[in-house]
């Protein structure tokens, strides 16, 4: 995986701003990127490029995406926090087509100075924000509206033997979901706490 460094981002921002194509922001956790595409609107509606391999390479994001996933969820559904261990770890490029979510990534890279810390952001059809989550993170989201559609690209194929999950309400991570009783799958109800996680990153 090629991870964008701060220097990559600063260089890219000069290029991107000049061409008015997208804005890229780093976060307090290294590797996570928040991407705001340029939206071209007129009386007919709007147009934008959620993914362009050449332009993403200019910001240091040269991942090879091999699988697209899409889910539809009702308000109050919480999915996560999921990941796949190496050699089938997945980077994800996420955006919401309809509705809105609180999207969260937790750093599970054992050598990282931000291990166990999270970053959350609202993704919606209205804001069209794109969130890049690299390998080494557990990912999940809370649906804020009915019939919310999340679309995301992955850098590796689904592999059942490699999948694992972090419990959504682990007090050590302490994500402020602001929901007391989310709708969870049976699998997500019995996910592991951070201290018991078999992270291979």
C-alpha atoms as a PDB file:
ATOM      1  CA  UNK A   1       0.000   0.000   0.000  1.00  0.00           C
ATOM      2  CA  UNK A   2       1.166   3.519  -0.762  1.00  0.00           C
ATOM      3  CA  UNK A   3       0.153   5.867   2.033  1.00  0.00           C
ATOM      4  CA  UNK A   4       0.018   9.601   1.401  1.00  0.00           C
ATOM      5  CA  UNK A   5       2.464  11.530   3.599  1.00  0.00           C
ATOM      6  CA  UNK A   6       1.968  15.112   4.784  1.00  0.00           C
ATOM      7  CA  UNK A   7       4.399  16.203   2.062  1.00  0.00           C
ATOM      8  CA  UNK A   8       2.351  14.328  -0.554  1.00  0.00           C
ATOM      9  CA  UNK A   9      -0.776  16.113   0.631  1.00  0.00           C
ATOM     10  CA  UNK A  10       0.801  19.582   0.684  1.00  0.00           C
ATOM     11  CA  UNK A  11       2.156  19.095  -2.835  1.00  0.00           C
ATOM     12  CA  UNK A  12      -1.130  17.690  -4.050  1.00  0.00           C
ATOM     13  CA  UNK A  13      -3.145  20.510  -2.500  1.00  0.00           C
ATOM     14  CA  UNK A  14      -1.222  23.019  -4.612  1.00  0.00           C
ATOM     15  CA  UNK A  15      -1.988  20.971  -7.731  1.00  0.00           C
ATOM     16  CA  UNK A  16      -5.606  20.296  -6.831  1.00  0.00           C
ATOM     17  CA  UNK A  17      -6.405  23.882  -5.819  1.00  0.00           C
ATOM     18  CA  UNK A  18      -4.934  25.154  -9.063  1.00  0.00           C
ATOM     19  CA  UNK A  19      -7.110  22.866 -11.148  1.00  0.00           C
ATOM     20  CA  UNK A  20     -10.176  23.266  -8.924  1.00  0.00           C
ATOM     21  CA  UNK A  21     -10.873  19.551  -8.830  1.00  0.00           C
ATOM     22  CA  UNK A  22     -10.935  18.488  -5.179  1.00  0.00           C
ATOM     23  CA  UNK A  23      -9.827  19.354  -1.672  1.00  0.00           C
ATOM     24  CA  UNK A  24      -7.945  16.873   0.485  1.00  0.00           C
ATOM     25  CA  UNK A  25      -7.560  17.017   4.263  1.00  0.00           C
ATOM     26  CA  UNK A  26      -5.549  14.884   6.654  1.00  0.00           C
ATOM     27  CA  UNK A  27      -6.800  13.997  10.140  1.00  0.00           C
ATOM     28  CA  UNK A  28      -5.146  13.637  13.558  1.00  0.00           C
ATOM     29  CA  UNK A  29      -4.659   9.939  12.707  1.00  0.00           C
ATOM     30  CA  UNK A  30      -2.063   9.307  10.005  1.00  0.00           C
ATOM     31  CA  UNK A  31      -3.341   7.688   6.824  1.00  0.00           C
ATOM     32  CA  UNK A  32      -6.981   8.768   6.979  1.00  0.00           C
ATOM     33  CA  UNK A  33      -7.984  11.217   4.257  1.00  0.00           C
ATOM     34  CA  UNK A  34     -11.089  13.373   3.871  1.00  0.00           C
ATOM     35  CA  UNK A  35     -11.752  14.265   0.249  1.00  0.00           C
ATOM     36  CA  UNK A  36     -14.167  16.916  -0.945  1.00  0.00           C
ATOM     37  CA  UNK A  37     -14.715  16.623  -4.702  1.00  0.00           C
ATOM     38  CA  UNK A  38     -15.451  19.601  -6.894  1.00  0.00           C
ATOM     39  CA  UNK A  39     -19.187  19.730  -7.645  1.00  0.00           C
ATOM     40  CA  UNK A  40     -20.323  21.289 -10.916  1.00  0.00           C
ATOM     41  CA  UNK A  41     -23.954  22.394 -10.549  1.00  0.00           C
ATOM     42  CA  UNK A  42     -26.415  24.167 -12.806  1.00  0.00           C
ATOM     43  CA  UNK A  43     -30.161  24.288 -13.418  1.00  0.00           C
ATOM     44  CA  UNK A  44     -30.130  20.673 -14.612  1.00  0.00           C
ATOM     45  CA  UNK A  45     -28.557  19.270 -11.437  1.00  0.00           C
ATOM     46  CA  UNK A  46     -24.927  18.428 -10.726  1.00  0.00           C
ATOM     47  CA  UNK A  47     -21.921  16.438 -11.920  1.00  0.00           C
ATOM     48  CA  UNK A  48     -18.782  15.283 -10.129  1.00  0.00           C
ATOM     49  CA  UNK A  49     -16.084  12.605 -10.250  1.00  0.00           C
ATOM     50  CA  UNK A  50     -16.101  10.516  -7.062  1.00  0.00           C
ATOM     51  CA  UNK A  51     -13.081   8.595  -8.321  1.00  0.00           C
ATOM     52  CA  UNK A  52     -10.456   9.325 -10.940  1.00  0.00           C
ATOM     53  CA  UNK A  53      -7.374   7.086 -10.786  1.00  0.00           C
ATOM     54  CA  UNK A  54      -5.032   9.711 -12.254  1.00  0.00           C
ATOM     55  CA  UNK A  55      -6.188  12.511  -9.953  1.00  0.00           C
ATOM     56  CA  UNK A  56      -6.085  10.287  -6.887  1.00  0.00           C
ATOM     57  CA  UNK A  57      -2.519   9.310  -7.769  1.00  0.00           C
ATOM     58  CA  UNK A  58      -1.636  13.028  -7.729  1.00  0.00           C
ATOM     59  CA  UNK A  59      -2.593  13.173  -4.048  1.00  0.00           C
ATOM     60  CA  UNK A  60      -0.498  10.096  -3.266  1.00  0.00           C
ATOM     61  CA  UNK A  61      -3.383   7.622  -3.263  1.00  0.00           C
ATOM     62  CA  UNK A  62      -2.273   4.944  -5.715  1.00  0.00           C
ATOM     63  CA  UNK A  63      -4.325   2.046  -4.399  1.00  0.00           C
ATOM     64  CA  UNK A  64      -5.627  -0.629  -6.735  1.00  0.00           C
ATOM     65  CA  UNK A  65      -9.330  -0.955  -5.945  1.00  0.00           C
ATOM     66  CA  UNK A  66     -10.648  -4.411  -6.890  1.00  0.00           C
ATOM     67  CA  UNK A  67     -14.139  -4.666  -5.391  1.00  0.00           C
ATOM     68  CA  UNK A  68     -17.110  -2.315  -4.987  1.00  0.00           C
ATOM     69  CA  UNK A  69     -19.621  -2.762  -2.155  1.00  0.00           C
ATOM     70  CA  UNK A  70     -22.976  -1.104  -1.540  1.00  0.00           C
ATOM     71  CA  UNK A  71     -25.329  -1.351   1.436  1.00  0.00           C
ATOM     72  CA  UNK A  72     -28.741   0.059   2.291  1.00  0.00           C
ATOM     73  CA  UNK A  73     -29.566   0.588   5.975  1.00  0.00           C
ATOM     74  CA  UNK A  74     -32.398   2.028   8.023  1.00  0.00           C
ATOM     75  CA  UNK A  75     -32.023   4.739  10.669  1.00  0.00           C
ATOM     76  CA  UNK A  76     -30.380   3.418  13.826  1.00  0.00           C
ATOM     77  CA  UNK A  77     -28.519   0.565  12.153  1.00  0.00           C
ATOM     78  CA  UNK A  78     -24.898   0.292  13.265  1.00  0.00           C
ATOM     79  CA  UNK A  79     -22.536  -1.832  11.190  1.00  0.00           C
ATOM     80  CA  UNK A  80     -19.048  -2.526  12.474  1.00  0.00           C
ATOM     81  CA  UNK A  81     -16.408  -2.174  13.463  1.00  0.00           C
ATOM     82  CA  UNK A  82     -15.046  -4.495  10.756  1.00  0.00           C
ATOM     83  CA  UNK A  83     -11.648  -5.256   9.232  1.00  0.00           C
ATOM     84  CA  UNK A  84      -9.703  -7.994   7.456  1.00  0.00           C
ATOM     85  CA  UNK A  85      -6.295  -9.109   8.645  1.00  0.00           C
ATOM     86  CA  UNK A  86      -3.320  -9.498   6.261  1.00  0.00           C
ATOM     87  CA  UNK A  87      -2.763 -10.838   3.686  1.00  0.00           C
ATOM     88  CA  UNK A  88      -6.302  -9.777   2.740  1.00  0.00           C
ATOM     89  CA  UNK A  89      -6.424  -6.421   4.522  1.00  0.00           C
ATOM     90  CA  UNK A  90      -8.644  -3.840   2.842  1.00  0.00           C
ATOM     91  CA  UNK A  91      -8.320  -0.129   2.265  1.00  0.00           C
ATOM     92  CA  UNK A  92     -11.704   1.521   1.691  1.00  0.00           C
ATOM     93  CA  UNK A  93     -12.891   4.594  -0.202  1.00  0.00           C
ATOM     94  CA  UNK A  94     -16.342   5.481   1.119  1.00  0.00           C
ATOM     95  CA  UNK A  95     -19.178   7.816   0.146  1.00  0.00           C
ATOM     96  CA  UNK A  96     -22.922   8.040   0.732  1.00  0.00           C
ATOM     97  CA  UNK A  97     -25.253   8.044  -2.268  1.00  0.00           C
ATOM     98  CA  UNK A  98     -28.486   8.534  -0.321  1.00  0.00           C
ATOM     99  CA  UNK A  99     -29.118   9.581   3.272  1.00  0.00           C
ATOM    100  CA  UNK A 100     -26.362  10.060   5.873  1.00  0.00           C
ATOM    101  CA  UNK A 101     -24.117   8.191   8.305  1.00  0.00           C
ATOM    102  CA  UNK A 102     -21.664   8.788  11.106  1.00  0.00           C
ATOM    103  CA  UNK A 103     -18.602   6.993   9.731  1.00  0.00           C
ATOM    104  CA  UNK A 104     -15.860   5.894  12.118  1.00  0.00           C
ATOM    105  CA  UNK A 105     -12.369   4.417  11.746  1.00  0.00           C
ATOM    106  CA  UNK A 106     -10.369   3.026  14.676  1.00  0.00           C
ATOM    107  CA  UNK A 107      -6.586   2.674  14.434  1.00  0.00           C
ATOM    108  CA  UNK A 108      -5.631  -0.964  15.152  1.00  0.00           C
ATOM    109  CA  UNK A 109      -2.004  -0.726  13.993  1.00  0.00           C
ATOM    110  CA  UNK A 110      -0.150  -1.972  17.063  1.00  0.00           C
ATOM    111  CA  UNK A 111       2.972   0.120  16.421  1.00  0.00           C
ATOM    112  CA  UNK A 112       0.996   3.305  15.744  1.00  0.00           C
ATOM    113  CA  UNK A 113       1.157   6.186  18.266  1.00  0.00           C
ATOM    114  CA  UNK A 114      -2.616   6.526  17.798  1.00  0.00           C
ATOM    115  CA  UNK A 115      -3.429   2.828  18.367  1.00  0.00           C
ATOM    116  CA  UNK A 116      -6.959   2.494  19.744  1.00  0.00           C
ATOM    117  CA  UNK A 117      -7.954   6.041  18.789  1.00  0.00           C
ATOM    118  CA  UNK A 118     -10.849   6.822  16.476  1.00  0.00           C
ATOM    119  CA  UNK A 119     -11.834   9.435  13.929  1.00  0.00           C
ATOM    120  CA  UNK A 120     -15.460  10.074  12.983  1.00  0.00           C
ATOM    121  CA  UNK A 121     -17.049  12.094  10.207  1.00  0.00           C
ATOM    122  CA  UNK A 122     -20.532  12.557   8.794  1.00  0.00           C
ATOM    123  CA  UNK A 123     -20.897  11.362   5.211  1.00  0.00           C
ATOM    124  CA  UNK A 124     -24.080  12.252   3.379  1.00  0.00           C
ATOM    125  CA  UNK A 125     -25.654  12.527  -0.026  1.00  0.00           C
ATOM    126  CA  UNK A 126     -25.814  16.276   0.618  1.00  0.00           C
ATOM    127  CA  UNK A 127     -22.153  16.914   1.502  1.00  0.00           C
ATOM    128  CA  UNK A 128     -20.748  14.337  -0.987  1.00  0.00           C
ATOM    129  CA  UNK A 129     -17.674  13.927   1.224  1.00  0.00           C
ATOM    130  CA  UNK A 130     -15.417  10.956   0.460  1.00  0.00           C
ATOM    131  CA  UNK A 131     -13.517   9.189   3.257  1.00  0.00           C
ATOM    132  CA  UNK A 132     -10.406   7.085   2.660  1.00  0.00           C
ATOM    133  CA  UNK A 133      -9.640   4.459   5.313  1.00  0.00           C
ATOM    134  CA  UNK A 134      -6.376   2.554   4.715  1.00  0.00           C
ATOM    135  CA  UNK A 135      -5.442  -0.923   5.861  1.00  0.00           C
ATOM    136  CA  UNK A 136      -4.910  -1.216   9.588  1.00  0.00           C
ATOM    137  CA  UNK A 137      -8.209   0.301  10.704  1.00  0.00           C
ATOM    138  CA  UNK A 138     -11.467  -1.139  12.008  1.00  0.00           C
ATOM    139  CA  UNK A 139     -14.346   0.579  10.226  1.00  0.00           C
ATOM    140  CA  UNK A 140     -18.012   1.039  11.065  1.00  0.00           C
ATOM    141  CA  UNK A 141     -20.908   3.423  10.726  1.00  0.00           C
ATOM    142  CA  UNK A 142     -24.200   4.479  12.289  1.00  0.00           C
ATOM    143  CA  UNK A 143     -27.072   5.219   9.907  1.00  0.00           C
ATOM    144  CA  UNK A 144     -28.699   8.612  10.552  1.00  0.00           C
ATOM    145  CA  UNK A 145     -31.582   8.365   8.062  1.00  0.00           C
ATOM    146  CA  UNK A 146     -33.841   5.650   6.674  1.00  0.00           C
ATOM    147  CA  UNK A 147     -32.883   4.069   3.351  1.00  0.00           C
ATOM    148  CA  UNK A 148     -29.303   5.290   3.518  1.00  0.00           C
ATOM    149  CA  UNK A 149     -27.085   3.900   0.759  1.00  0.00           C
ATOM    150  CA  UNK A 150     -23.344   3.590   1.362  1.00  0.00           C
ATOM    151  CA  UNK A 151     -21.013   2.821  -1.539  1.00  0.00           C
ATOM    152  CA  UNK A 152     -17.351   1.952  -1.101  1.00  0.00           C
ATOM    153  CA  UNK A 153     -14.385   0.672  -3.054  1.00  0.00           C
ATOM    154  CA  UNK A 154     -12.016  -1.931  -1.563  1.00  0.00           C
ATOM    155  CA  UNK A 155      -8.368  -2.744  -2.225  1.00  0.00           C
ATOM    156  CA  UNK A 156      -8.810  -6.487  -1.681  1.00  0.00           C
ATOM    157  CA  UNK A 157     -11.559  -9.041  -2.060  1.00  0.00           C
ATOM    158  CA  UNK A 158     -13.758 -10.216   0.785  1.00  0.00           C
ATOM    159  CA  UNK A 159     -12.117 -13.132   2.606  1.00  0.00           C
ATOM    160  CA  UNK A 160     -14.139 -14.766   5.380  1.00  0.00           C
ATOM    161  CA  UNK A 161     -11.113 -16.399   6.993  1.00  0.00           C
ATOM    162  CA  UNK A 162      -9.439 -12.986   7.404  1.00  0.00           C
ATOM    163  CA  UNK A 163     -12.375 -10.993   8.780  1.00  0.00           C
ATOM    164  CA  UNK A 164     -12.614  -9.818  12.372  1.00  0.00           C
ATOM    165  CA  UNK A 165     -14.431  -7.090  14.273  1.00  0.00           C
ATOM    166  CA  UNK A 166     -14.107  -4.680  17.186  1.00  0.00           C
ATOM    167  CA  UNK A 167     -17.130  -4.203  19.447  1.00  0.00           C
ATOM    168  CA  UNK A 168     -18.923  -0.938  18.729  1.00  0.00           C
ATOM    169  CA  UNK A 169     -19.191   0.197  22.361  1.00  0.00           C
ATOM    170  CA  UNK A 170     -15.778  -0.761  23.736  1.00  0.00           C
ATOM    171  CA  UNK A 171     -15.256   1.622  26.701  1.00  0.00           C
ATOM    172  CA  UNK A 172     -11.513   1.723  26.004  1.00  0.00           C
ATOM    173  CA  UNK A 173     -12.167   3.263  22.577  1.00  0.00           C
ATOM    174  CA  UNK A 174     -15.189   5.267  23.793  1.00  0.00           C
ATOM    175  CA  UNK A 175     -16.775   6.325  20.496  1.00  0.00           C
ATOM    176  CA  UNK A 176     -19.612   8.833  21.145  1.00  0.00           C
ATOM    177  CA  UNK A 177     -22.227   7.261  18.881  1.00  0.00           C
ATOM    178  CA  UNK A 178     -25.024   9.108  20.693  1.00  0.00           C
ATOM    179  CA  UNK A 179     -27.306   6.096  20.420  1.00  0.00           C
ATOM    180  CA  UNK A 180     -28.203   3.815  23.317  1.00  0.00           C
ATOM    181  CA  UNK A 181     -29.674   0.826  21.504  1.00  0.00           C
ATOM    182  CA  UNK A 182     -28.571   0.580  17.872  1.00  0.00           C
ATOM    183  CA  UNK A 183     -29.760  -2.124  15.487  1.00  0.00           C
ATOM    184  CA  UNK A 184     -26.914  -4.662  15.273  1.00  0.00           C
ATOM    185  CA  UNK A 185     -26.251  -7.933  13.494  1.00  0.00           C
ATOM    186  CA  UNK A 186     -25.713 -11.011  15.636  1.00  0.00           C
ATOM    187  CA  UNK A 187     -22.063 -10.989  14.614  1.00  0.00           C
ATOM    188  CA  UNK A 188     -21.541  -7.376  15.654  1.00  0.00           C
ATOM    189  CA  UNK A 189     -23.172  -7.974  19.035  1.00  0.00           C
ATOM    190  CA  UNK A 190     -20.425 -10.429  19.995  1.00  0.00           C
ATOM    191  CA  UNK A 191     -17.399  -8.637  18.492  1.00  0.00           C
ATOM    192  CA  UNK A 192     -14.186  -8.368  20.521  1.00  0.00           C
ATOM    193  CA  UNK A 193     -12.914  -5.613  22.754  1.00  0.00           C
ATOM    194  CA  UNK A 194      -9.683  -3.864  21.797  1.00  0.00           C
ATOM    195  CA  UNK A 195      -7.711  -5.677  24.522  1.00  0.00           C
ATOM    196  CA  UNK A 196      -8.784  -9.034  23.103  1.00  0.00           C
ATOM    197  CA  UNK A 197      -8.377  -8.145  19.452  1.00  0.00           C
ATOM    198  CA  UNK A 198      -6.106 -10.272  17.294  1.00  0.00           C
ATOM    199  CA  UNK A 199      -4.850  -7.398  15.171  1.00  0.00           C
ATOM    200  CA  UNK A 200      -2.066  -8.516  12.818  1.00  0.00           C
ATOM    201  CA  UNK A 201      -1.164  -4.970  11.767  1.00  0.00           C
END
